[in-house]
Structure formats: C-alpha cells, structure tokens
Amino acid sequence: MKKFEEKTYETETIYKGKIVQLNIDSVTLPDGNTSKRELIKHPGAVAVIALTDEGKLVCVEQYRKPLEKSLVEIPAGKLEEGEEPETCALRELEEETGYTTENLKLLTSFYTSPGFADEIVHLYFTDNVKPLEVSPDGDEDEFVEVMEVTLQEAEQLESEQRIHDAKTAYALLYLKLRESR
C-alpha cells in the first residue's frame, strides 16, 4: 500500500463533457474512515514556450470565460484522444500562432491542480520558429490575437495581471533563469 493511499470503493460520474468529466469517488482513508472526493478527469494538455529569432516570446491573448476577462498566455491546448504530446504541441503552436518549428524540446510536465484534477501539462520549448506559408484554421470557437513580447514586456503584463496563469508564469521563470546563465 502506498503511503496515505485512499482506496476508491465507488465512483459516480456526475458529468461528462467535451473537455472534462466530474466524478464523485467514495474512498476509504488510511485510518479506515471513509470520505468523498470530487474529481475532475482531464485528458491532459500541452504548452509551448516559443521564441522568435529576435528572442521575443510568442503569446496569444484570449478571453477566458471562467475568469470573465482576457489573458495573455503562451500557446497551449488539450490533447486529443491517442495524440502524442509533441504532436499536439506542434499542432497548437501552428493553429494558435501561425508559426511552426522543427525543434521542440520537452522541458517538463506538471499537474495544474492536483487537489481535485488529474490534468497534466507537458511544457515544450523552441527558439526556432518560422511563419507558416498558409496559416491553418484555428478552432471555430476560439478567438485569439497573436502577440510577440520581450521578457521585459511579459514581466510588465504579469505585473498588470494580464499574464496571470500558471503555465505562462512558469514559462517566464524558465526564461529568466535561462537568461541569467
């Protein structure tokens, strides 16, 4: 038995949507008591730190309904069923920004909210982007504006809370550390 493991003895699916599934798990705790856990199941996602030849970070600004405001973020998106993370990262970079690359490097993967969700984000890096000859059509329900910002401009956007999500904040920390080497 794993340390602190909670054994699930019943799962009730409350909602199954296009992106997430909400389950209520009934669990036995390590001390023998029982409890309920509300869990969001998510297929996983990717995000891309993409730098232009001028060293600018490629971002997209888009409206985030749960927050009722627009955020500036690095390109990212949900994994499709059976899709490899690197394939998804390239697809999202192309669809959201009109850039492509032949050089994606996996930096790390991290859980976004492990207290209630199993979403994992695979974070990639490229400093070798080039514009596509023909920009692909993005998702029909996704409206984004592409931005290219310096690290200093990104830090200003962060101080204004226009950059205010974990994956982009992580990207900025990575770039600051990279710059200091």
C-alpha atoms as a PDB file:
ATOM      1  CA  MET A   1       0.000   0.000   0.000  1.00  0.00           C
ATOM      2  CA  LYS A   2       1.227   3.488  -0.863  1.00  0.00           C
ATOM      3  CA  LYS A   3       1.748   5.918   1.996  1.00  0.00           C
ATOM      4  CA  PHE A   4      -1.509   7.849   2.642  1.00  0.00           C
ATOM      5  CA  GLU A   5      -3.302   5.936  -0.139  1.00  0.00           C
ATOM      6  CA  GLU A   6      -7.051   6.342  -0.367  1.00  0.00           C
ATOM      7  CA  LYS A   7      -8.824   3.267  -1.784  1.00  0.00           C
ATOM      8  CA  THR A   8     -11.767   4.029  -4.067  1.00  0.00           C
ATOM      9  CA  TYR A   9     -14.710   1.729  -3.495  1.00  0.00           C
ATOM     10  CA  GLU A  10     -17.288   3.549  -5.627  1.00  0.00           C
ATOM     11  CA  THR A  11     -17.201   6.111  -8.462  1.00  0.00           C
ATOM     12  CA  GLU A  12     -20.197   8.105  -9.629  1.00  0.00           C
ATOM     13  CA  THR A  13     -19.840  10.112 -12.843  1.00  0.00           C
ATOM     14  CA  ILE A  14     -21.809  13.336 -12.415  1.00  0.00           C
ATOM     15  CA  TYR A  15     -20.944  14.980 -15.727  1.00  0.00           C
ATOM     16  CA  LYS A  16     -19.072  14.011 -18.882  1.00  0.00           C
ATOM     17  CA  GLY A  17     -18.349  16.858 -21.280  1.00  0.00           C
ATOM     18  CA  LYS A  18     -16.148  17.649 -24.258  1.00  0.00           C
ATOM     19  CA  ILE A  19     -13.173  18.595 -22.078  1.00  0.00           C
ATOM     20  CA  VAL A  20     -13.725  17.337 -18.534  1.00  0.00           C
ATOM     21  CA  GLN A  21     -15.518  14.657 -16.576  1.00  0.00           C
ATOM     22  CA  LEU A  22     -16.653  15.162 -12.959  1.00  0.00           C
ATOM     23  CA  ASN A  23     -16.600  12.096 -10.726  1.00  0.00           C
ATOM     24  CA  ILE A  24     -17.504  11.673  -7.073  1.00  0.00           C
ATOM     25  CA  ASP A  25     -15.291   8.963  -5.598  1.00  0.00           C
ATOM     26  CA  SER A  26     -16.152   7.289  -2.310  1.00  0.00           C
ATOM     27  CA  VAL A  27     -12.868   6.381  -0.631  1.00  0.00           C
ATOM     28  CA  THR A  28     -11.532   4.551   2.373  1.00  0.00           C
ATOM     29  CA  LEU A  29      -8.919   6.679   4.148  1.00  0.00           C
ATOM     30  CA  PRO A  30      -5.651   5.293   5.579  1.00  0.00           C
ATOM     31  CA  ASP A  31      -7.187   5.270   9.086  1.00  0.00           C
ATOM     32  CA  GLY A  32     -10.188   3.209   7.899  1.00  0.00           C
ATOM     33  CA  ASN A  33     -12.704   6.072   7.824  1.00  0.00           C
ATOM     34  CA  THR A  34     -14.495   6.992   4.596  1.00  0.00           C
ATOM     35  CA  SER A  35     -14.867  10.225   2.656  1.00  0.00           C
ATOM     36  CA  LYS A  36     -15.972  11.639  -0.703  1.00  0.00           C
ATOM     37  CA  ARG A  37     -13.667  13.184  -3.315  1.00  0.00           C
ATOM     38  CA  GLU A  38     -14.836  15.454  -6.138  1.00  0.00           C
ATOM     39  CA  LEU A  39     -12.512  14.771  -9.065  1.00  0.00           C
ATOM     40  CA  ILE A  40     -12.089  16.383 -12.463  1.00  0.00           C
ATOM     41  CA  LYS A  41     -10.759  13.987 -15.106  1.00  0.00           C
ATOM     42  CA  HIS A  42      -8.927  15.743 -17.967  1.00  0.00           C
ATOM     43  CA  PRO A  43      -7.104  14.268 -20.990  1.00  0.00           C
ATOM     44  CA  GLY A  44      -4.001  16.428 -20.451  1.00  0.00           C
ATOM     45  CA  ALA A  45      -2.606  19.392 -22.306  1.00  0.00           C
ATOM     46  CA  VAL A  46       0.495  20.937 -23.797  1.00  0.00           C
ATOM     47  CA  ALA A  47       2.024  24.395 -23.718  1.00  0.00           C
ATOM     48  CA  VAL A  48       4.833  25.869 -25.809  1.00  0.00           C
ATOM     49  CA  ILE A  49       7.468  28.450 -24.955  1.00  0.00           C
ATOM     50  CA  ALA A  50       8.212  29.722 -28.453  1.00  0.00           C
ATOM     51  CA  LEU A  51      10.851  32.381 -29.144  1.00  0.00           C
ATOM     52  CA  THR A  52      11.281  34.297 -32.370  1.00  0.00           C
ATOM     53  CA  ASP A  53      14.713  34.961 -33.936  1.00  0.00           C
ATOM     54  CA  GLU A  54      14.613  38.316 -32.108  1.00  0.00           C
ATOM     55  CA  GLY A  55      14.162  36.495 -28.786  1.00  0.00           C
ATOM     56  CA  LYS A  56      10.545  37.560 -28.374  1.00  0.00           C
ATOM     57  CA  LEU A  57       8.066  35.246 -26.670  1.00  0.00           C
ATOM     58  CA  VAL A  58       5.129  34.251 -28.859  1.00  0.00           C
ATOM     59  CA  CYS A  59       1.879  34.617 -26.906  1.00  0.00           C
ATOM     60  CA  VAL A  60      -1.822  34.682 -27.575  1.00  0.00           C
ATOM     61  CA  GLU A  61      -4.437  36.831 -25.941  1.00  0.00           C
ATOM     62  CA  GLN A  62      -7.811  35.214 -25.493  1.00  0.00           C
ATOM     63  CA  TYR A  63     -10.947  35.547 -23.421  1.00  0.00           C
ATOM     64  CA  ARG A  64     -11.240  33.138 -20.510  1.00  0.00           C
ATOM     65  CA  LYS A  65     -14.894  32.689 -19.575  1.00  0.00           C
ATOM     66  CA  PRO A  66     -14.302  31.272 -16.054  1.00  0.00           C
ATOM     67  CA  LEU A  67     -12.417  34.493 -15.225  1.00  0.00           C
ATOM     68  CA  GLU A  68     -14.621  36.836 -17.298  1.00  0.00           C
ATOM     69  CA  LYS A  69     -11.515  38.503 -18.741  1.00  0.00           C
ATOM     70  CA  SER A  70      -8.822  38.155 -21.377  1.00  0.00           C
ATOM     71  CA  LEU A  71      -5.402  36.752 -20.543  1.00  0.00           C
ATOM     72  CA  VAL A  72      -2.109  36.754 -22.410  1.00  0.00           C
ATOM     73  CA  GLU A  73      -0.737  33.212 -22.440  1.00  0.00           C
ATOM     74  CA  ILE A  74       1.773  31.004 -24.156  1.00  0.00           C
ATOM     75  CA  PRO A  75       0.173  28.796 -26.843  1.00  0.00           C
ATOM     76  CA  ALA A  76      -1.440  25.721 -25.321  1.00  0.00           C
ATOM     77  CA  GLY A  77      -4.172  23.202 -25.842  1.00  0.00           C
ATOM     78  CA  LYS A  78      -5.821  19.939 -24.924  1.00  0.00           C
ATOM     79  CA  LEU A  79      -4.524  16.566 -26.024  1.00  0.00           C
ATOM     80  CA  GLU A  80      -6.847  14.712 -28.371  1.00  0.00           C
ATOM     81  CA  GLU A  81      -7.529  11.043 -27.648  1.00  0.00           C
ATOM     82  CA  GLY A  82      -4.433   8.985 -28.509  1.00  0.00           C
ATOM     83  CA  GLU A  83      -2.419  12.058 -29.532  1.00  0.00           C
ATOM     84  CA  GLU A  84       1.239  12.280 -28.565  1.00  0.00           C
ATOM     85  CA  PRO A  85       2.116  15.431 -26.568  1.00  0.00           C
ATOM     86  CA  GLU A  86       4.795  16.591 -29.037  1.00  0.00           C
ATOM     87  CA  THR A  87       2.355  16.252 -31.956  1.00  0.00           C
ATOM     88  CA  CYS A  88      -0.223  18.244 -30.007  1.00  0.00           C
ATOM     89  CA  ALA A  89       2.349  20.935 -29.101  1.00  0.00           C
ATOM     90  CA  LEU A  90       3.249  21.463 -32.759  1.00  0.00           C
ATOM     91  CA  ARG A  91      -0.437  21.488 -33.779  1.00  0.00           C
ATOM     92  CA  GLU A  92      -1.349  24.037 -31.104  1.00  0.00           C
ATOM     93  CA  LEU A  93       1.631  26.259 -31.974  1.00  0.00           C
ATOM     94  CA  GLU A  94       0.598  26.246 -35.628  1.00  0.00           C
ATOM     95  CA  GLU A  95      -3.166  26.658 -35.059  1.00  0.00           C
ATOM     96  CA  GLU A  96      -2.938  29.393 -32.451  1.00  0.00           C
ATOM     97  CA  THR A  97       0.008  31.431 -33.738  1.00  0.00           C
ATOM     98  CA  GLY A  98       0.656  30.655 -37.408  1.00  0.00           C
ATOM     99  CA  TYR A  99       4.228  29.637 -36.509  1.00  0.00           C
ATOM    100  CA  THR A 100       5.846  26.237 -36.839  1.00  0.00           C
ATOM    101  CA  THR A 101       9.138  24.696 -35.773  1.00  0.00           C
ATOM    102  CA  GLU A 102      11.254  21.634 -36.434  1.00  0.00           C
ATOM    103  CA  ASN A 103      12.782  21.748 -32.977  1.00  0.00           C
ATOM    104  CA  LEU A 104      10.563  21.119 -29.948  1.00  0.00           C
ATOM    105  CA  LYS A 105      12.188  20.147 -26.672  1.00  0.00           C
ATOM    106  CA  LEU A 106      10.191  18.773 -23.743  1.00  0.00           C
ATOM    107  CA  LEU A 107      11.156  20.762 -20.645  1.00  0.00           C
ATOM    108  CA  THR A 108       8.904  19.216 -18.014  1.00  0.00           C
ATOM    109  CA  SER A 109       5.387  18.130 -17.194  1.00  0.00           C
ATOM    110  CA  PHE A 110       3.340  19.303 -14.229  1.00  0.00           C
ATOM    111  CA  TYR A 111      -0.080  18.883 -12.647  1.00  0.00           C
ATOM    112  CA  THR A 112      -2.170  22.048 -12.640  1.00  0.00           C
ATOM    113  CA  SER A 113      -4.454  21.432  -9.639  1.00  0.00           C
ATOM    114  CA  PRO A 114      -3.736  18.039  -8.033  1.00  0.00           C
ATOM    115  CA  GLY A 115      -6.148  18.648  -5.167  1.00  0.00           C
ATOM    116  CA  PHE A 116      -9.133  17.993  -7.442  1.00  0.00           C
ATOM    117  CA  ALA A 117      -7.967  17.413 -11.040  1.00  0.00           C
ATOM    118  CA  ASP A 118      -5.670  14.997 -12.873  1.00  0.00           C
ATOM    119  CA  GLU A 119      -4.798  17.472 -15.671  1.00  0.00           C
ATOM    120  CA  ILE A 120      -1.134  17.305 -16.622  1.00  0.00           C
ATOM    121  CA  VAL A 121       0.542  19.907 -18.844  1.00  0.00           C
ATOM    122  CA  HIS A 122       3.564  18.971 -20.960  1.00  0.00           C
ATOM    123  CA  LEU A 123       5.716  22.082 -21.440  1.00  0.00           C
ATOM    124  CA  TYR A 124       7.834  22.398 -24.604  1.00  0.00           C
ATOM    125  CA  PHE A 125      10.447  24.910 -25.726  1.00  0.00           C
ATOM    126  CA  THR A 126      11.601  26.124 -29.121  1.00  0.00           C
ATOM    127  CA  ASP A 127      13.749  29.083 -30.135  1.00  0.00           C
ATOM    128  CA  ASN A 128      13.498  28.249 -33.817  1.00  0.00           C
ATOM    129  CA  VAL A 129      10.053  29.318 -35.057  1.00  0.00           C
ATOM    130  CA  LYS A 130       9.155  30.345 -38.576  1.00  0.00           C
ATOM    131  CA  PRO A 131       5.864  31.587 -40.007  1.00  0.00           C
ATOM    132  CA  LEU A 132       3.742  29.077 -41.854  1.00  0.00           C
ATOM    133  CA  GLU A 133       3.204  29.824 -45.531  1.00  0.00           C
ATOM    134  CA  VAL A 134      -0.531  29.331 -45.029  1.00  0.00           C
ATOM    135  CA  SER A 135      -1.968  29.780 -41.559  1.00  0.00           C
ATOM    136  CA  PRO A 136      -4.242  26.894 -40.612  1.00  0.00           C
ATOM    137  CA  ASP A 137      -7.780  27.470 -39.471  1.00  0.00           C
ATOM    138  CA  GLY A 138      -7.952  27.516 -35.689  1.00  0.00           C
ATOM    139  CA  ASP A 139     -10.770  26.090 -33.606  1.00  0.00           C
ATOM    140  CA  GLU A 140     -14.098  27.569 -34.706  1.00  0.00           C
ATOM    141  CA  ASP A 141     -14.981  28.622 -31.142  1.00  0.00           C
ATOM    142  CA  GLU A 142     -11.560  30.058 -30.270  1.00  0.00           C
ATOM    143  CA  PHE A 143     -10.668  33.685 -30.893  1.00  0.00           C
ATOM    144  CA  VAL A 144      -7.062  34.696 -30.258  1.00  0.00           C
ATOM    145  CA  GLU A 145      -4.715  37.543 -31.044  1.00  0.00           C
ATOM    146  CA  VAL A 146      -1.039  36.695 -31.506  1.00  0.00           C
ATOM    147  CA  MET A 147       1.496  38.836 -29.667  1.00  0.00           C
ATOM    148  CA  GLU A 148       5.286  38.796 -29.627  1.00  0.00           C
ATOM    149  CA  VAL A 149       6.728  40.249 -26.427  1.00  0.00           C
ATOM    150  CA  THR A 150      10.139  40.720 -24.895  1.00  0.00           C
ATOM    151  CA  LEU A 151      10.783  39.235 -21.479  1.00  0.00           C
ATOM    152  CA  GLN A 152      10.578  42.745 -20.014  1.00  0.00           C
ATOM    153  CA  GLU A 153       7.210  43.343 -21.711  1.00  0.00           C
ATOM    154  CA  ALA A 154       5.987  39.957 -20.445  1.00  0.00           C
ATOM    155  CA  GLU A 155       7.009  40.888 -16.902  1.00  0.00           C
ATOM    156  CA  GLN A 156       5.019  44.124 -17.247  1.00  0.00           C
ATOM    157  CA  LEU A 157       1.991  42.154 -18.476  1.00  0.00           C
ATOM    158  CA  GLU A 158       2.422  39.882 -15.462  1.00  0.00           C
ATOM    159  CA  SER A 159       2.508  42.853 -13.060  1.00  0.00           C
ATOM    160  CA  GLU A 160      -0.743  44.082 -14.669  1.00  0.00           C
ATOM    161  CA  GLN A 161      -2.223  40.566 -14.224  1.00  0.00           C
ATOM    162  CA  ARG A 162      -2.758  40.267 -17.968  1.00  0.00           C
ATOM    163  CA  ILE A 163      -0.399  37.293 -17.738  1.00  0.00           C
ATOM    164  CA  HIS A 164      -1.974  35.508 -14.792  1.00  0.00           C
ATOM    165  CA  ASP A 165      -1.955  31.766 -15.413  1.00  0.00           C
ATOM    166  CA  ALA A 166       0.413  29.137 -14.054  1.00  0.00           C
ATOM    167  CA  LYS A 167       1.810  27.785 -17.342  1.00  0.00           C
ATOM    168  CA  THR A 168       2.790  31.252 -18.609  1.00  0.00           C
ATOM    169  CA  ALA A 169       4.194  32.289 -15.220  1.00  0.00           C
ATOM    170  CA  TYR A 170       6.227  29.053 -15.282  1.00  0.00           C
ATOM    171  CA  ALA A 171       7.429  29.946 -18.779  1.00  0.00           C
ATOM    172  CA  LEU A 172       8.582  33.385 -17.620  1.00  0.00           C
ATOM    173  CA  LEU A 173      10.509  31.870 -14.710  1.00  0.00           C
ATOM    174  CA  TYR A 174      12.168  29.450 -17.118  1.00  0.00           C
ATOM    175  CA  LEU A 175      13.156  32.296 -19.454  1.00  0.00           C
ATOM    176  CA  LYS A 176      14.526  34.410 -16.589  1.00  0.00           C
ATOM    177  CA  LEU A 177      16.671  31.502 -15.399  1.00  0.00           C
ATOM    178  CA  ARG A 178      17.807  30.791 -18.959  1.00  0.00           C
ATOM    179  CA  GLU A 179      18.770  34.422 -19.434  1.00  0.00           C
ATOM    180  CA  SER A 180      20.797  34.510 -16.194  1.00  0.00           C
ATOM    181  CA  ARG A 181      23.077  31.627 -17.252  1.00  0.00           C
END
